[in-house]
PDB file of N, CA and C in Angstrom:
ATOM      1  N   MET A   1     112.019 129.473 143.071  1.00  0.00           N
ATOM      2  CA  MET A   1     112.297 130.852 142.538  1.00  0.00           C
ATOM      3  C   MET A   1     111.307 131.499 142.977  1.00  0.00           C
ATOM      4  N   ALA A   2     111.047 132.629 142.880  1.00  0.00           N
ATOM      5  CA  ALA A   2     109.717 133.901 143.344  1.00  0.00           C
ATOM      6  C   ALA A   2     110.270 135.128 142.157  1.00  0.00           C
ATOM      7  N   PHE A   3     109.631 135.366 141.545  1.00  0.00           N
ATOM      8  CA  PHE A   3     109.203 136.409 140.984  1.00  0.00           C
ATOM      9  C   PHE A   3     108.063 137.561 140.801  1.00  0.00           C
ATOM     10  N   THR A   4     108.514 138.478 141.197  1.00  0.00           N
ATOM     11  CA  THR A   4     107.178 139.562 140.574  1.00  0.00           C
ATOM     12  C   THR A   4     106.351 140.067 138.979  1.00  0.00           C
ATOM     13  N   ILE A   5     105.615 139.413 138.436  1.00  0.00           N
ATOM     14  CA  ILE A   5     105.634 140.491 137.404  1.00  0.00           C
ATOM     15  C   ILE A   5     104.185 141.410 136.888  1.00  0.00           C
ATOM     16  N   SER A   6     103.613 142.224 136.199  1.00  0.00           N
ATOM     17  CA  SER A   6     102.546 142.990 136.168  1.00  0.00           C
ATOM     18  C   SER A   6     101.208 142.098 136.142  1.00  0.00           C
ATOM     19  N   SER A   7     100.080 142.723 135.869  1.00  0.00           N
ATOM     20  CA  SER A   7      99.313 141.866 136.048  1.00  0.00           C
ATOM     21  C   SER A   7      99.327 142.095 134.644  1.00  0.00           C
ATOM     22  N   GLU A   8      99.304 143.032 133.153  1.00  0.00           N
ATOM     23  CA  GLU A   8      99.164 142.625 132.043  1.00  0.00           C
ATOM     24  C   GLU A   8      99.954 141.260 131.524  1.00  0.00           C
ATOM     25  N   THR A   9     101.328 141.614 132.380  1.00  0.00           N
ATOM     26  CA  THR A   9     101.919 140.048 131.900  1.00  0.00           C
ATOM     27  C   THR A   9     101.809 138.725 132.429  1.00  0.00           C
ATOM     28  N   GLN A  10     101.003 138.962 133.331  1.00  0.00           N
ATOM     29  CA  GLN A  10     100.658 137.251 133.606  1.00  0.00           C
ATOM     30  C   GLN A  10      98.982 136.738 133.160  1.00  0.00           C
ATOM     31  N   GLN A  11      98.116 138.128 132.381  1.00  0.00           N
ATOM     32  CA  GLN A  11      97.613 137.836 131.852  1.00  0.00           C
ATOM     33  C   GLN A  11      97.654 137.359 130.388  1.00  0.00           C
ATOM     34  N   PHE A  12      98.704 137.679 130.095  1.00  0.00           N
ATOM     35  CA  PHE A  12      99.660 137.609 128.041  1.00  0.00           C
ATOM     36  C   PHE A  12      99.650 135.572 128.754  1.00  0.00           C
ATOM     37  N   ILE A  13     100.904 135.402 129.812  1.00  0.00           N
ATOM     38  CA  ILE A  13     101.528 133.942 130.079  1.00  0.00           C
ATOM     39  C   ILE A  13      99.899 133.477 130.284  1.00  0.00           C
ATOM     40  N   GLU A  14      98.363 133.751 130.911  1.00  0.00           N
ATOM     41  CA  GLU A  14      98.008 132.970 131.375  1.00  0.00           C
ATOM     42  C   GLU A  14      97.193 132.223 129.871  1.00  0.00           C
ATOM     43  N   THR A  15      97.407 133.903 129.251  1.00  0.00           N
ATOM     44  CA  THR A  15      96.253 133.257 127.359  1.00  0.00           C
ATOM     45  C   THR A  15      96.773 132.169 126.778  1.00  0.00           C
ATOM     46  N   ARG A  16      98.823 132.766 126.827  1.00  0.00           N
ATOM     47  CA  ARG A  16      99.335 131.552 126.033  1.00  0.00           C
ATOM     48  C   ARG A  16      99.781 130.652 126.589  1.00  0.00           C
ATOM     49  N   MET A  17      98.941 130.286 127.768  1.00  0.00           N
ATOM     50  CA  MET A  17      99.149 128.455 127.928  1.00  0.00           C
ATOM     51  C   MET A  17      98.054 128.213 127.707  1.00  0.00           C
ATOM     52  N   LYS A  18      96.379 128.599 127.357  1.00  0.00           N
ATOM     53  CA  LYS A  18      95.441 128.245 127.181  1.00  0.00           C
ATOM     54  C   LYS A  18      95.850 127.882 125.802  1.00  0.00           C
ATOM     55  N   GLN A  19      96.437 128.680 125.105  1.00  0.00           N
ATOM     56  CA  GLN A  19      96.879 128.728 123.644  1.00  0.00           C
ATOM     57  C   GLN A  19      97.516 127.455 123.501  1.00  0.00           C
ATOM     58  N   CYS A  20      98.426 126.976 124.294  1.00  0.00           N
ATOM     59  CA  CYS A  20      99.239 126.154 123.875  1.00  0.00           C
ATOM     60  C   CYS A  20      98.921 124.745 124.904  1.00  0.00           C
ATOM     61  N   GLY A  21      98.162 124.827 125.269  1.00  0.00           N
ATOM     62  CA  GLY A  21      98.058 123.833 126.223  1.00  0.00           C
ATOM     63  C   GLY A  21      98.740 123.466 127.301  1.00  0.00           C
ATOM     64  N   VAL A  22      99.240 124.252 127.925  1.00  0.00           N
ATOM     65  CA  VAL A  22     100.207 124.413 129.091  1.00  0.00           C
ATOM     66  C   VAL A  22      99.002 124.281 130.451  1.00  0.00           C
ATOM     67  N   GLU A  23      99.468 123.204 131.119  1.00  0.00           N
ATOM     68  CA  GLU A  23      98.721 123.361 132.615  1.00  0.00           C
ATOM     69  C   GLU A  23      98.980 124.546 134.039  1.00  0.00           C
ATOM     70  N   ASN A  24     100.346 124.985 133.678  1.00  0.00           N
ATOM     71  CA  ASN A  24     100.778 125.601 134.561  1.00  0.00           C
ATOM     72  C   ASN A  24     102.103 126.821 134.730  1.00  0.00           C
ATOM     73  N   SER A  25     102.454 127.181 134.982  1.00  0.00           N
ATOM     74  CA  SER A  25     103.496 127.860 134.834  1.00  0.00           C
ATOM     75  C   SER A  25     104.388 127.907 134.632  1.00  0.00           C
ATOM     76  N   ASP A  26     104.973 126.360 135.521  1.00  0.00           N
ATOM     77  CA  ASP A  26     106.436 126.163 135.306  1.00  0.00           C
ATOM     78  C   ASP A  26     107.028 125.455 134.108  1.00  0.00           C
ATOM     79  N   GLU A  27     105.851 124.385 133.840  1.00  0.00           N
ATOM     80  CA  GLU A  27     106.167 124.443 132.723  1.00  0.00           C
ATOM     81  C   GLU A  27     105.506 125.288 131.398  1.00  0.00           C
ATOM     82  N   PHE A  28     105.175 126.391 131.345  1.00  0.00           N
ATOM     83  CA  PHE A  28     104.719 127.465 130.489  1.00  0.00           C
ATOM     84  C   PHE A  28     106.520 127.958 130.619  1.00  0.00           C
ATOM     85  N   LEU A  29     107.325 128.183 132.354  1.00  0.00           N
ATOM     86  CA  LEU A  29     108.932 128.824 131.575  1.00  0.00           C
ATOM     87  C   LEU A  29     109.515 127.825 130.802  1.00  0.00           C
ATOM     88  N   LYS A  30     109.653 126.891 130.917  1.00  0.00           N
ATOM     89  CA  LYS A  30     110.222 125.476 130.615  1.00  0.00           C
ATOM     90  C   LYS A  30     110.415 125.961 128.592  1.00  0.00           C
ATOM     91  N   LEU A  31     109.492 126.072 128.678  1.00  0.00           N
ATOM     92  CA  LEU A  31     109.289 126.309 127.488  1.00  0.00           C
ATOM     93  C   LEU A  31     109.089 127.094 126.638  1.00  0.00           C
ATOM     94  N   ALA A  32     108.990 127.551 126.811  1.00  0.00           N
ATOM     95  CA  ALA A  32     109.523 129.496 126.702  1.00  0.00           C
ATOM     96  C   ALA A  32     111.458 129.800 126.498  1.00  0.00           C
ATOM     97  N   VAL A  33     111.695 129.056 128.161  1.00  0.00           N
ATOM     98  CA  VAL A  33     113.480 129.219 127.770  1.00  0.00           C
ATOM     99  C   VAL A  33     113.749 128.680 127.184  1.00  0.00           C
ATOM    100  N   GLN A  34     113.212 127.139 127.122  1.00  0.00           N
ATOM    101  CA  GLN A  34     113.693 126.304 125.156  1.00  0.00           C
ATOM    102  C   GLN A  34     113.809 127.029 124.220  1.00  0.00           C
ATOM    103  N   GLN A  35     112.458 127.721 123.807  1.00  0.00           N
ATOM    104  CA  GLN A  35     112.007 128.710 122.511  1.00  0.00           C
ATOM    105  C   GLN A  35     113.181 129.247 122.464  1.00  0.00           C
ATOM    106  N   PHE A  36     113.288 130.356 123.808  1.00  0.00           N
ATOM    107  CA  PHE A  36     114.338 131.853 123.663  1.00  0.00           C
ATOM    108  C   PHE A  36     115.783 130.723 123.836  1.00  0.00           C
ATOM    109  N   SER A  37     116.376 129.692 124.065  1.00  0.00           N
ATOM    110  CA  SER A  37     116.968 129.000 123.260  1.00  0.00           C
ATOM    111  C   SER A  37     117.996 128.432 122.153  1.00  0.00           C
ATOM    112  N   MET A  38     116.670 128.399 121.569  1.00  0.00           N
ATOM    113  CA  MET A  38     116.720 127.295 120.111  1.00  0.00           C
ATOM    114  C   MET A  38     116.700 128.737 119.104  1.00  0.00           C
ATOM    115  N   ASP A  39     115.726 129.917 119.748  1.00  0.00           N
ATOM    116  CA  ASP A  39     116.404 131.025 118.684  1.00  0.00           C
ATOM    117  C   ASP A  39     117.730 131.793 118.872  1.00  0.00           C
ATOM    118  N   ALA A  40     117.827 131.590 120.333  1.00  0.00           N
ATOM    119  CA  ALA A  40     119.208 131.993 120.250  1.00  0.00           C
ATOM    120  C   ALA A  40     120.225 131.650 119.096  1.00  0.00           C
ATOM    121  N   VAL A  41     120.457 130.100 119.138  1.00  0.00           N
ATOM    122  CA  VAL A  41     121.149 129.549 117.828  1.00  0.00           C
ATOM    123  C   VAL A  41     120.562 129.617 117.095  1.00  0.00           C
ATOM    124  N   GLU A  42     119.718 129.821 116.718  1.00  0.00           N
ATOM    125  CA  GLU A  42     119.550 130.354 114.983  1.00  0.00           C
ATOM    126  C   GLU A  42     119.707 131.806 114.754  1.00  0.00           C
ATOM    127  N   TYR A  43     119.613 132.669 116.003  1.00  0.00           N
ATOM    128  CA  TYR A  43     120.321 134.215 115.725  1.00  0.00           C
ATOM    129  C   TYR A  43     121.821 134.080 115.002  1.00  0.00           C
ATOM    130  N   TYR A  44     122.629 133.121 115.991  1.00  0.00           N
ATOM    131  CA  TYR A  44     123.958 132.821 115.948  1.00  0.00           C
ATOM    132  C   TYR A  44     124.261 132.233 114.640  1.00  0.00           C
ATOM    133  N   GLU A  45     123.520 131.418 114.143  1.00  0.00           N
ATOM    134  CA  GLU A  45     123.733 130.966 112.730  1.00  0.00           C
ATOM    135  C   GLU A  45     123.652 131.751 111.890  1.00  0.00           C
ATOM    136  N   ASP A  46     122.933 132.383 112.396  1.00  0.00           N
ATOM    137  CA  ASP A  46     122.699 133.665 111.254  1.00  0.00           C
ATOM    138  C   ASP A  46     123.587 134.326 110.711  1.00  0.00           C
ATOM    139  N   LEU A  47     124.521 135.002 111.590  1.00  0.00           N
ATOM    140  CA  LEU A  47     125.120 135.570 111.735  1.00  0.00           C
ATOM    141  C   LEU A  47     126.301 135.678 110.103  1.00  0.00           C
ATOM    142  N   ASP A  48     126.888 136.468 110.601  1.00  0.00           N
ATOM    143  CA  ASP A  48     127.887 136.076 109.408  1.00  0.00           C
ATOM    144  C   ASP A  48     129.378 135.849 109.989  1.00  0.00           C
ATOM    145  N   GLU A  49     129.911 135.395 109.172  1.00  0.00           N
ATOM    146  CA  GLU A  49     131.541 134.670 109.406  1.00  0.00           C
ATOM    147  C   GLU A  49     132.115 135.599 110.205  1.00  0.00           C
ATOM    148  N   GLU A  50     132.311 136.439 110.523  1.00  0.00           N
ATOM    149  CA  GLU A  50     133.418 137.651 110.475  1.00  0.00           C
ATOM    150  C   GLU A  50     132.390 138.097 112.548  1.00  0.00           C
ATOM    151  N   THR A  51     131.289 138.268 111.751  1.00  0.00           N
ATOM    152  CA  THR A  51     130.608 138.416 113.578  1.00  0.00           C
ATOM    153  C   THR A  51     130.794 136.994 114.480  1.00  0.00           C
ATOM    154  N   ARG A  52     130.624 136.259 114.077  1.00  0.00           N
ATOM    155  CA  ARG A  52     130.424 134.947 114.701  1.00  0.00           C
ATOM    156  C   ARG A  52     131.994 135.141 115.039  1.00  0.00           C
ATOM    157  N   ALA A  53     132.762 134.965 114.636  1.00  0.00           N
ATOM    158  CA  ALA A  53     134.423 135.204 114.742  1.00  0.00           C
ATOM    159  C   ALA A  53     134.665 136.118 115.797  1.00  0.00           C
ATOM    160  N   ALA A  54     134.153 136.984 116.055  1.00  0.00           N
ATOM    161  CA  ALA A  54     134.076 138.299 116.879  1.00  0.00           C
ATOM    162  C   ALA A  54     133.797 138.085 118.036  1.00  0.00           C
ATOM    163  N   ILE A  55     132.369 137.182 118.280  1.00  0.00           N
ATOM    164  CA  ILE A  55     131.493 136.830 119.761  1.00  0.00           C
ATOM    165  C   ILE A  55     132.800 135.831 120.106  1.00  0.00           C
ATOM    166  N   GLU A  56     133.524 134.764 119.268  1.00  0.00           N
ATOM    167  CA  GLU A  56     134.458 133.646 119.406  1.00  0.00           C
ATOM    168  C   GLU A  56     135.434 134.773 120.186  1.00  0.00           C
ATOM    169  N   ARG A  57     135.655 135.710 120.068  1.00  0.00           N
ATOM    170  CA  ARG A  57     137.297 136.440 120.192  1.00  0.00           C
ATOM    171  C   ARG A  57     136.915 136.493 122.069  1.00  0.00           C
ATOM    172  N   ALA A  58     135.827 137.437 121.618  1.00  0.00           N
ATOM    173  CA  ALA A  58     135.663 137.876 122.656  1.00  0.00           C
ATOM    174  C   ALA A  58     135.215 137.192 123.915  1.00  0.00           C
ATOM    175  N   ASP A  59     134.317 135.899 123.827  1.00  0.00           N
ATOM    176  CA  ASP A  59     134.314 134.752 124.645  1.00  0.00           C
ATOM    177  C   ASP A  59     135.925 134.045 125.283  1.00  0.00           C
ATOM    178  N   LEU A  60     136.404 134.104 124.333  1.00  0.00           N
ATOM    179  CA  LEU A  60     138.426 134.052 124.973  1.00  0.00           C
ATOM    180  C   LEU A  60     139.123 134.996 125.755  1.00  0.00           C
ATOM    181  N   GLN A  61     138.019 136.284 125.791  1.00  0.00           N
ATOM    182  CA  GLN A  61     139.176 137.048 126.713  1.00  0.00           C
ATOM    183  C   GLN A  61     138.275 137.398 127.441  1.00  0.00           C
ATOM    184  N   PRO A  62     137.886 136.280 128.604  1.00  0.00           N
ATOM    185  CA  PRO A  62     137.116 136.894 129.775  1.00  0.00           C
ATOM    186  C   PRO A  62     137.123 138.020 130.099  1.00  0.00           C
ATOM    187  N   ASP A  63     138.861 139.252 130.258  1.00  0.00           N
ATOM    188  CA  ASP A  63     139.168 139.889 131.204  1.00  0.00           C
ATOM    189  C   ASP A  63     137.985 141.925 130.394  1.00  0.00           C
ATOM    190  N   ILE A  64     137.998 141.046 129.452  1.00  0.00           N
ATOM    191  CA  ILE A  64     137.447 141.621 128.555  1.00  0.00           C
ATOM    192  C   ILE A  64     135.490 142.592 129.356  1.00  0.00           C
ATOM    193  N   PRO A  65     135.048 143.080 129.455  1.00  0.00           N
ATOM    194  CA  PRO A  65     133.607 143.475 130.613  1.00  0.00           C
ATOM    195  C   PRO A  65     132.630 143.334 129.680  1.00  0.00           C
ATOM    196  N   GLN A  66     131.828 142.333 129.559  1.00  0.00           N
ATOM    197  CA  GLN A  66     130.495 141.525 128.176  1.00  0.00           C
ATOM    198  C   GLN A  66     129.759 142.816 128.184  1.00  0.00           C
ATOM    199  N   GLU A  67     129.669 144.152 128.389  1.00  0.00           N
ATOM    200  CA  GLU A  67     129.525 145.735 128.126  1.00  0.00           C
ATOM    201  C   GLU A  67     130.516 145.936 126.621  1.00  0.00           C
ATOM    202  N   GLN A  68     131.610 145.908 127.091  1.00  0.00           N
ATOM    203  CA  GLN A  68     132.707 146.393 125.808  1.00  0.00           C
ATOM    204  C   GLN A  68     132.518 145.029 125.067  1.00  0.00           C
ATOM    205  N   ALA A  69     132.477 143.926 125.465  1.00  0.00           N
ATOM    206  CA  ALA A  69     132.442 143.089 124.054  1.00  0.00           C
ATOM    207  C   ALA A  69     131.437 143.149 122.889  1.00  0.00           C
ATOM    208  N   GLU A  70     130.102 142.937 123.970  1.00  0.00           N
ATOM    209  CA  GLU A  70     129.238 143.450 122.720  1.00  0.00           C
ATOM    210  C   GLU A  70     128.980 145.243 122.278  1.00  0.00           C
ATOM    211  N   GLN A  71     129.485 145.965 122.570  1.00  0.00           N
ATOM    212  CA  GLN A  71     129.431 146.735 121.936  1.00  0.00           C
ATOM    213  C   GLN A  71     130.469 146.720 120.999  1.00  0.00           C
ATOM    214  N   ARG A  72     131.693 145.871 120.472  1.00  0.00           N
ATOM    215  CA  ARG A  72     132.567 145.663 119.985  1.00  0.00           C
ATOM    216  C   ARG A  72     131.501 145.537 118.469  1.00  0.00           C
ATOM    217  N   ILE A  73     130.801 143.766 119.016  1.00  0.00           N
ATOM    218  CA  ILE A  73     129.865 142.829 118.441  1.00  0.00           C
ATOM    219  C   ILE A  73     128.887 143.765 117.239  1.00  0.00           C
ATOM    220  N   LEU A  74     128.452 144.781 118.506  1.00  0.00           N
ATOM    221  CA  LEU A  74     127.522 145.648 117.838  1.00  0.00           C
ATOM    222  C   LEU A  74     128.067 146.582 117.000  1.00  0.00           C
ATOM    223  N   ASN A  75     129.095 147.142 116.993  1.00  0.00           N
ATOM    224  CA  ASN A  75     130.177 147.913 115.848  1.00  0.00           C
ATOM    225  C   ASN A  75     130.456 147.130 115.109  1.00  0.00           C
ATOM    226  N   LEU A  76     130.857 145.895 114.978  1.00  0.00           N
ATOM    227  CA  LEU A  76     130.800 145.434 113.889  1.00  0.00           C
ATOM    228  C   LEU A  76     129.617 145.025 112.413  1.00  0.00           C
ATOM    229  N   MET A  77     128.646 144.957 113.123  1.00  0.00           N
ATOM    230  CA  MET A  77     127.144 144.762 112.700  1.00  0.00           C
ATOM    231  C   MET A  77     127.188 146.379 112.307  1.00  0.00           C
ATOM    232  N   ALA A  78     127.374 147.067 112.202  1.00  0.00           N
ATOM    233  CA  ALA A  78     126.741 148.513 111.647  1.00  0.00           C
ATOM    234  C   ALA A  78     127.565 148.792 110.905  1.00  0.00           C
ATOM    235  N   LYS A  79     128.876 148.382 110.633  1.00  0.00           N
ATOM    236  CA  LYS A  79     129.118 148.621 109.466  1.00  0.00           C
ATOM    237  C   LYS A  79     129.038 147.734 108.603  1.00  0.00           C
ATOM    238  N   LYS A  80     128.105 146.256 108.450  1.00  0.00           N
ATOM    239  CA  LYS A  80     127.624 145.407 107.175  1.00  0.00           C
ATOM    240  C   LYS A  80     126.288 146.517 106.673  1.00  0.00           C
TER     241      LYS A  80
END
């Protein structure tokens, strides 16, 4: 897979690769995606029961567009 990034992003990635001791961009990207996934799980676990239930209901209703499901969740979170 090929993609284009800005020179600023490339510089940021190269700096972080050196700081983390990562030797190539493939390894760095794998680590970044793993960290992102762990962060998402932690974020989900920090949500209150009502919000998690709303997410689970939205997952069970695939006919609802993702944007609409996300808006419902944001609305619930805003009420708190």
